[in-house]
Amino acid sequence: MTTNPSEDFDDQKFVGAGDAPPSYDTTPLSESSSATLQSSFFSFLFAARQKRTAVLSRIRDIVLTPDFNPSSAASIINVCAADLTTKEFSKLLQTPNIEDHTALYWAIVNNQREVVVAFAAFISECSPACSSELRLACMVTSDHASFTQLKLANIDAKGEVLRRSLGCPPDEIEVHEVKMGNSHQFVVSFRIRKFQRRLRITHKLNYEFVADGRIWFLRFDMDTVEWKWRVLYGVSSPSLPACTKASFKIEGKPGRKPLKLSPADNFAETIVPQEPGYLEKYSGVAGKPTIYMWWPLGDWVMYDNPVYVDRDGALHATLRLTCKTG
């Protein structure tokens, strides 16, 4: 026997008009419920603000206390970080909320290496504003170690992608400073992995380092006027001008002589940062202002199995630079 589905199940038989579920649009919260939610929300905001204020106070004490014990830095900073989310703590460290500067700035300026290292563990990448401030802090303190630790060098992004794709670890730069009478000398050693392949592909390898109260650059590139390989150095903004002379040496393979690029005999020109109108801005410096000094590198970069890279393709080079101080 067949039945009519509409007769077997009739909404009206089971749910009357008066039994319909209430409309949420027409059911207002009671005044007491609304007040409770509002109170809970503001209590949450107040507690969060208090927590941030307490963390900032502890961070401030660390970076501004002259006799702060560096050995306790890591444990205190870890406790501070546990009170906030990773994003919140990273933002706190990069915000100029301590005497108009960031906590990282003060840690660098006050030579608190342990604190810088502990802070760096919670920052994957510095914001542009924070990076600019930290570059300045590293420059005025000649702190190449923090400059490297915080990855503050202005380098070519495409070149970094290529380096990682080739499986190369970061290149190594070491700075050693020596004071000599009326001049100041420093020696910078470079270890650049798979140098030849990377330079052939990108036509440019750029490095920055900190020494003598300035940020310097060393660059390998192709001179697009004479179409020859060259190596050049100069100062990066916001460094002050520098009257220099330099030599550059590339180590050869075992049993082969190094490639030595001779220094200038005199402090003839002054290197200045590359800025708009730099010739007019620095017209009063000793000698003629220039934005870099350079040497020809030669065509060996294009040779197979060149003598100036090791068996793993790494280039080992030394820049010896003397700055006139008087």
Protein backbone atom coordinates (compact mmCIF):
# COMPACT_ATOMS: atom_id res chain seq x y z
CA MET A 1 0.00 0.00 0.00
CA THR A 2 1.36 3.38 -0.95
CA THR A 3 1.10 6.38 1.25
CA ASN A 4 1.30 10.05 0.60
CA PRO A 5 4.55 11.45 2.11
CA SER A 6 2.83 14.74 2.75
CA GLU A 7 0.29 12.91 4.92
CA ASP A 8 2.93 10.86 6.79
CA PHE A 9 4.93 13.92 7.82
CA ASP A 10 3.20 17.20 8.31
CA ASP A 11 5.16 20.00 9.96
CA GLN A 12 1.98 21.51 11.25
CA LYS A 13 1.09 18.32 13.13
CA PHE A 14 4.26 18.46 15.20
CA VAL A 15 5.30 22.09 15.36
CA GLY A 16 2.66 24.62 15.88
CA ALA A 17 3.00 28.25 15.04
CA GLY A 18 3.46 29.04 18.66
CA ASP A 19 6.26 26.47 19.05
CA ALA A 20 8.67 28.07 16.51
CA PRO A 21 12.21 28.69 17.87
CA PRO A 22 12.79 32.24 19.04
CA SER A 23 14.48 34.68 16.67
CA TYR A 24 17.95 35.70 17.84
CA ASP A 25 17.46 39.04 16.15
CA THR A 26 14.58 39.82 18.43
CA THR A 27 16.09 38.47 21.66
CA PRO A 28 18.19 41.24 23.19
CA LEU A 29 20.82 40.53 25.81
CA SER A 30 19.85 41.61 29.24
CA GLU A 31 21.54 44.72 30.53
CA SER A 32 23.39 42.68 33.13
CA SER A 33 24.76 40.23 30.50
CA SER A 34 25.93 43.08 28.25
CA ALA A 35 27.64 44.79 31.15
CA THR A 36 29.37 41.54 32.14
CA LEU A 37 30.76 41.01 28.60
CA GLN A 38 31.91 44.61 28.40
CA SER A 39 33.57 44.36 31.78
CA SER A 40 35.35 41.12 30.82
CA PHE A 41 36.64 42.64 27.59
CA PHE A 42 38.08 45.72 29.27
CA SER A 43 39.55 43.59 32.05
CA PHE A 44 41.34 41.51 29.40
CA LEU A 45 42.73 44.64 27.69
CA PHE A 46 43.83 46.09 31.01
CA ALA A 47 45.58 42.86 32.03
CA ALA A 48 47.34 42.61 28.64
CA ARG A 49 48.50 46.21 28.89
CA GLN A 50 49.78 45.67 32.42
CA LYS A 51 51.70 42.59 31.27
CA ARG A 52 53.36 44.50 28.40
CA THR A 53 54.23 47.37 30.75
CA ALA A 54 55.82 44.99 33.24
CA VAL A 55 57.87 43.27 30.51
CA LEU A 56 59.02 46.61 29.09
CA SER A 57 60.07 47.76 32.57
CA ARG A 58 62.23 44.66 33.01
CA ILE A 59 63.76 45.07 29.54
CA ARG A 60 64.47 48.73 30.28
CA ASP A 61 66.29 47.78 33.48
CA ILE A 62 68.45 45.31 31.54
CA VAL A 63 69.62 47.68 28.80
CA LEU A 64 69.98 50.87 30.87
CA THR A 65 71.46 49.56 34.11
CA PRO A 66 75.24 50.29 34.00
CA ASP A 67 76.25 47.44 36.31
CA PHE A 68 73.78 44.86 34.98
CA ASN A 69 75.10 41.31 35.28
CA PRO A 70 75.26 39.95 31.69
CA SER A 71 75.26 36.32 32.83
CA SER A 72 71.64 36.63 33.99
CA ALA A 73 70.43 38.28 30.78
CA ALA A 74 69.26 35.16 28.95
CA SER A 75 67.15 33.80 31.82
CA ILE A 76 65.44 37.15 32.50
CA ILE A 77 64.75 37.71 28.80
CA ASN A 78 63.29 34.23 28.45
CA VAL A 79 60.91 34.93 31.34
CA CYS A 80 59.88 38.20 29.68
CA ALA A 81 59.29 36.45 26.37
CA ALA A 82 57.11 33.81 28.02
CA ASP A 83 54.68 36.52 29.20
CA LEU A 84 53.91 37.61 25.62
CA THR A 85 53.37 35.99 22.26
CA THR A 86 56.43 35.68 20.02
CA LYS A 87 55.06 38.37 17.71
CA GLU A 88 54.31 40.74 20.59
CA PHE A 89 57.75 40.31 22.13
CA SER A 90 59.53 40.80 18.79
CA LYS A 91 57.53 43.98 18.17
CA LEU A 92 58.28 45.24 21.68
CA LEU A 93 62.03 44.85 21.12
CA GLN A 94 61.85 46.74 17.80
CA THR A 95 59.68 49.66 18.98
CA PRO A 96 61.45 52.90 20.07
CA ASN A 97 59.87 52.81 23.54
CA ILE A 98 62.98 53.38 25.71
CA GLU A 99 64.15 57.01 25.61
CA ASP A 100 63.03 57.17 21.92
CA HIS A 101 65.17 54.17 20.97
CA THR A 102 64.69 50.42 20.78
CA ALA A 103 65.90 47.96 23.40
CA LEU A 104 68.28 46.49 20.81
CA TYR A 105 69.76 49.93 20.13
CA TRP A 106 70.63 50.40 23.81
CA ALA A 107 72.04 46.89 24.12
CA ILE A 108 74.42 47.60 21.23
CA VAL A 109 75.39 51.11 22.36
CA ASN A 110 76.07 49.87 25.91
CA ASN A 111 78.17 46.96 24.58
CA GLN A 112 75.92 44.24 26.00
CA ARG A 113 76.80 41.41 23.63
CA GLU A 114 75.04 38.73 25.70
CA VAL A 115 71.85 40.79 25.67
CA VAL A 116 72.05 41.37 21.91
CA VAL A 117 72.44 37.64 21.32
CA ALA A 118 69.48 36.86 23.61
CA PHE A 119 67.25 39.47 21.93
CA ALA A 120 68.24 38.27 18.44
CA ALA A 121 66.85 34.80 19.18
CA PHE A 122 63.33 36.28 19.21
CA ILE A 123 63.62 38.36 16.01
CA SER A 124 63.44 36.57 12.68
CA GLU A 125 63.79 39.80 10.68
CA CYS A 126 64.15 43.44 11.71
CA SER A 127 61.65 45.99 10.46
CA PRO A 128 63.09 48.64 8.06
CA ALA A 129 62.89 51.38 10.71
CA CYS A 130 64.54 49.22 13.36
CA SER A 131 67.20 48.06 10.90
CA SER A 132 68.16 51.67 10.10
CA GLU A 133 68.52 52.50 13.78
CA LEU A 134 70.57 49.39 14.53
CA ARG A 135 72.89 50.09 11.58
CA LEU A 136 73.57 53.46 13.17
CA ALA A 137 74.17 51.87 16.60
CA CYS A 138 76.63 49.32 15.14
CA MET A 139 78.40 52.05 13.18
CA VAL A 140 79.02 54.41 16.12
CA THR A 141 80.30 51.52 18.28
CA SER A 142 82.23 49.76 15.47
CA ASP A 143 80.33 46.59 16.38
CA HIS A 144 80.76 44.27 13.41
CA ALA A 145 79.73 41.23 15.47
CA SER A 146 76.23 42.59 16.20
CA PHE A 147 76.00 43.91 12.63
CA THR A 148 76.50 40.34 11.40
CA GLN A 149 74.37 38.68 14.10
CA LEU A 150 71.35 40.87 13.27
CA LYS A 151 71.83 40.57 9.48
CA LEU A 152 71.93 44.34 8.97
CA ALA A 153 74.04 44.39 5.79
CA ASN A 154 72.39 45.75 2.65
CA ILE A 155 72.95 42.91 0.22
CA ASP A 156 71.35 41.86 -3.04
CA ALA A 157 68.22 39.76 -2.37
CA LYS A 158 68.54 37.81 -5.63
CA GLY A 159 72.14 37.01 -4.80
CA GLU A 160 71.05 35.58 -1.45
CA VAL A 161 68.44 33.39 -3.13
CA LEU A 162 71.12 32.08 -5.49
CA ARG A 163 73.53 31.39 -2.62
CA ARG A 164 70.95 29.33 -0.76
CA SER A 165 69.91 27.47 -3.93
CA LEU A 166 73.54 26.44 -4.47
CA GLY A 167 73.67 25.08 -0.92
CA CYS A 168 76.24 27.64 0.24
CA PRO A 169 76.47 28.60 3.92
CA PRO A 170 76.69 32.37 4.58
CA ASP A 171 79.95 33.98 3.46
CA GLU A 172 82.38 34.87 6.23
CA ILE A 173 83.78 38.33 7.04
CA GLU A 174 86.21 39.02 9.89
CA VAL A 175 87.41 42.49 10.93
CA HIS A 176 90.61 43.22 12.87
CA GLU A 177 91.49 46.83 13.75
CA VAL A 178 94.98 48.22 14.47
CA LYS A 179 95.86 51.78 15.54
CA MET A 180 99.05 53.18 14.01
CA GLY A 181 100.13 56.71 15.03
CA ASN A 182 98.23 59.28 12.97
CA SER A 183 96.41 56.64 10.98
CA HIS A 184 94.07 53.79 11.74
CA GLN A 185 94.40 50.48 9.94
CA PHE A 186 92.12 47.50 9.80
CA VAL A 187 92.31 44.17 8.04
CA VAL A 188 89.18 42.49 6.70
CA SER A 189 89.24 38.86 5.60
CA PHE A 190 86.61 37.38 3.28
CA ARG A 191 85.67 33.80 2.52
CA ILE A 192 83.22 33.77 -0.40
CA ARG A 193 81.88 30.35 -1.32
CA LYS A 194 81.38 29.28 -4.96
CA PHE A 195 82.64 32.71 -5.88
CA GLN A 196 83.17 32.19 -9.60
CA ARG A 197 79.79 30.59 -10.31
CA ARG A 198 77.84 33.16 -8.34
CA LEU A 199 79.65 36.15 -9.90
CA ARG A 200 79.18 34.76 -13.41
CA ILE A 201 75.43 34.44 -12.82
CA THR A 202 74.68 37.67 -10.94
CA HIS A 203 77.53 39.89 -12.27
CA LYS A 204 77.66 41.44 -8.78
CA LEU A 205 78.54 40.35 -5.25
CA ASN A 206 78.14 42.97 -2.54
CA TYR A 207 79.28 42.88 1.11
CA GLU A 208 79.14 45.29 4.05
CA PHE A 209 81.15 45.38 7.26
CA VAL A 210 81.70 47.74 10.20
CA ALA A 211 85.07 49.23 11.16
CA ASP A 212 86.53 52.55 12.33
CA GLY A 213 83.11 54.04 13.14
CA ARG A 214 81.81 53.52 9.60
CA ILE A 215 79.89 51.01 7.49
CA TRP A 216 81.99 49.96 4.49
CA PHE A 217 81.16 48.01 1.37
CA LEU A 218 83.22 45.71 -0.82
CA ARG A 219 81.80 44.82 -4.21
CA PHE A 220 82.78 42.61 -7.12
CA ASP A 221 81.09 43.57 -10.37
CA MET A 222 81.40 44.17 -14.10
CA ASP A 223 82.40 47.67 -15.20
CA THR A 224 79.71 48.43 -17.78
CA VAL A 225 81.89 51.08 -19.49
CA GLU A 226 84.98 48.98 -20.22
CA TRP A 227 83.25 45.61 -19.63
CA LYS A 228 85.90 44.33 -17.29
CA TRP A 229 85.67 42.62 -13.92
CA ARG A 230 86.69 44.76 -10.96
CA VAL A 231 86.64 44.93 -7.15
CA LEU A 232 85.79 48.17 -5.36
CA TYR A 233 85.26 49.52 -1.87
CA GLY A 234 83.64 52.57 -0.29
CA VAL A 235 81.52 53.78 2.64
CA SER A 236 77.78 53.26 3.05
CA SER A 237 75.32 55.82 4.37
CA PRO A 238 75.15 57.23 7.04
CA SER A 239 78.95 56.96 7.40
CA LEU A 240 81.18 60.01 7.48
CA PRO A 241 83.73 60.57 4.69
CA ALA A 242 87.07 58.76 4.94
CA CYS A 243 90.48 59.57 3.51
CA THR A 244 91.98 56.16 2.76
CA LYS A 245 94.51 54.03 0.99
CA ALA A 246 94.14 50.29 0.64
CA SER A 247 95.50 47.05 -0.74
CA PHE A 248 93.65 43.92 -1.74
CA LYS A 249 95.00 40.37 -1.90
CA ILE A 250 93.41 37.17 -3.19
CA GLU A 251 95.01 33.92 -2.09
CA GLY A 252 96.08 31.45 -4.75
CA LYS A 253 95.91 27.69 -4.67
CA PRO A 254 98.74 25.86 -2.86
CA GLY A 255 102.02 26.56 -4.64
CA ARG A 256 100.63 29.55 -6.55
CA LYS A 257 101.33 33.20 -5.79
CA PRO A 258 98.46 35.37 -4.51
CA LEU A 259 96.94 38.11 -6.63
CA LYS A 260 98.07 41.41 -5.08
CA LEU A 261 96.39 44.66 -6.02
CA SER A 262 98.72 47.50 -5.06
CA PRO A 263 97.68 50.38 -2.82
CA ALA A 264 97.77 54.04 -3.72
CA ASP A 265 100.92 55.78 -2.45
CA ASN A 266 99.11 58.79 -0.98
CA PHE A 267 95.83 59.68 0.70
CA ALA A 268 94.79 61.42 -2.51
CA GLU A 269 91.01 61.23 -2.48
CA THR A 270 88.26 61.13 0.11
CA ILE A 271 85.56 58.49 -0.08
CA VAL A 272 82.04 59.76 0.63
CA PRO A 273 78.64 58.03 0.78
CA GLN A 274 76.76 57.86 -2.51
CA GLU A 275 74.03 60.46 -2.01
CA PRO A 276 72.25 62.89 -4.35
CA GLY A 277 74.48 65.91 -4.89
CA TYR A 278 77.44 64.35 -3.07
CA LEU A 279 80.02 66.37 -5.06
CA GLU A 280 78.56 69.65 -3.81
CA LYS A 281 77.81 68.37 -0.30
CA TYR A 282 81.36 67.14 0.28
CA SER A 283 83.23 69.72 -1.80
CA GLY A 284 85.29 70.81 1.23
CA VAL A 285 86.89 67.43 1.94
CA ALA A 286 90.59 66.82 1.35
CA GLY A 287 91.29 65.86 -2.24
CA LYS A 288 88.50 65.06 -4.66
CA PRO A 289 85.40 63.36 -3.21
CA THR A 290 84.68 59.96 -4.75
CA ILE A 291 82.10 57.28 -3.97
CA TYR A 292 84.51 54.34 -4.31
CA MET A 293 88.02 53.18 -5.07
CA TRP A 294 88.61 50.20 -7.35
CA TRP A 295 91.07 47.80 -8.93
CA PRO A 296 90.79 45.69 -12.12
CA LEU A 297 90.20 42.05 -11.23
CA GLY A 298 91.31 40.47 -14.52
CA ASP A 299 89.69 37.89 -16.79
CA TRP A 300 90.50 34.84 -14.65
CA VAL A 301 86.91 34.91 -13.39
CA MET A 302 85.90 33.39 -16.74
CA TYR A 303 88.57 30.67 -16.79
CA ASP A 304 87.87 27.04 -15.99
CA ASN A 305 89.58 25.88 -12.80
CA PRO A 306 91.08 29.30 -11.91
CA VAL A 307 94.03 29.47 -9.52
CA TYR A 308 92.40 32.05 -7.22
CA VAL A 309 89.69 29.85 -5.73
CA ASP A 310 90.17 26.74 -3.62
CA ARG A 311 89.07 23.23 -4.59
CA ASP A 312 85.57 23.96 -3.22
CA GLY A 313 85.28 27.11 -5.31
CA ALA A 314 85.71 29.53 -2.37
CA LEU A 315 87.64 32.78 -2.71
CA HIS A 316 89.87 33.84 0.20
CA ALA A 317 90.71 37.54 0.14
CA THR A 318 92.07 40.25 2.44
CA LEU A 319 91.38 43.98 2.33
CA ARG A 320 93.95 46.05 4.23
CA LEU A 321 92.71 49.58 4.64
CA THR A 322 94.33 52.61 6.29
CA CYS A 323 92.35 55.69 7.29
CA LYS A 324 94.06 59.05 7.77
CA THR A 325 93.09 60.56 11.10
CA GLY A 326 95.02 63.80 11.15
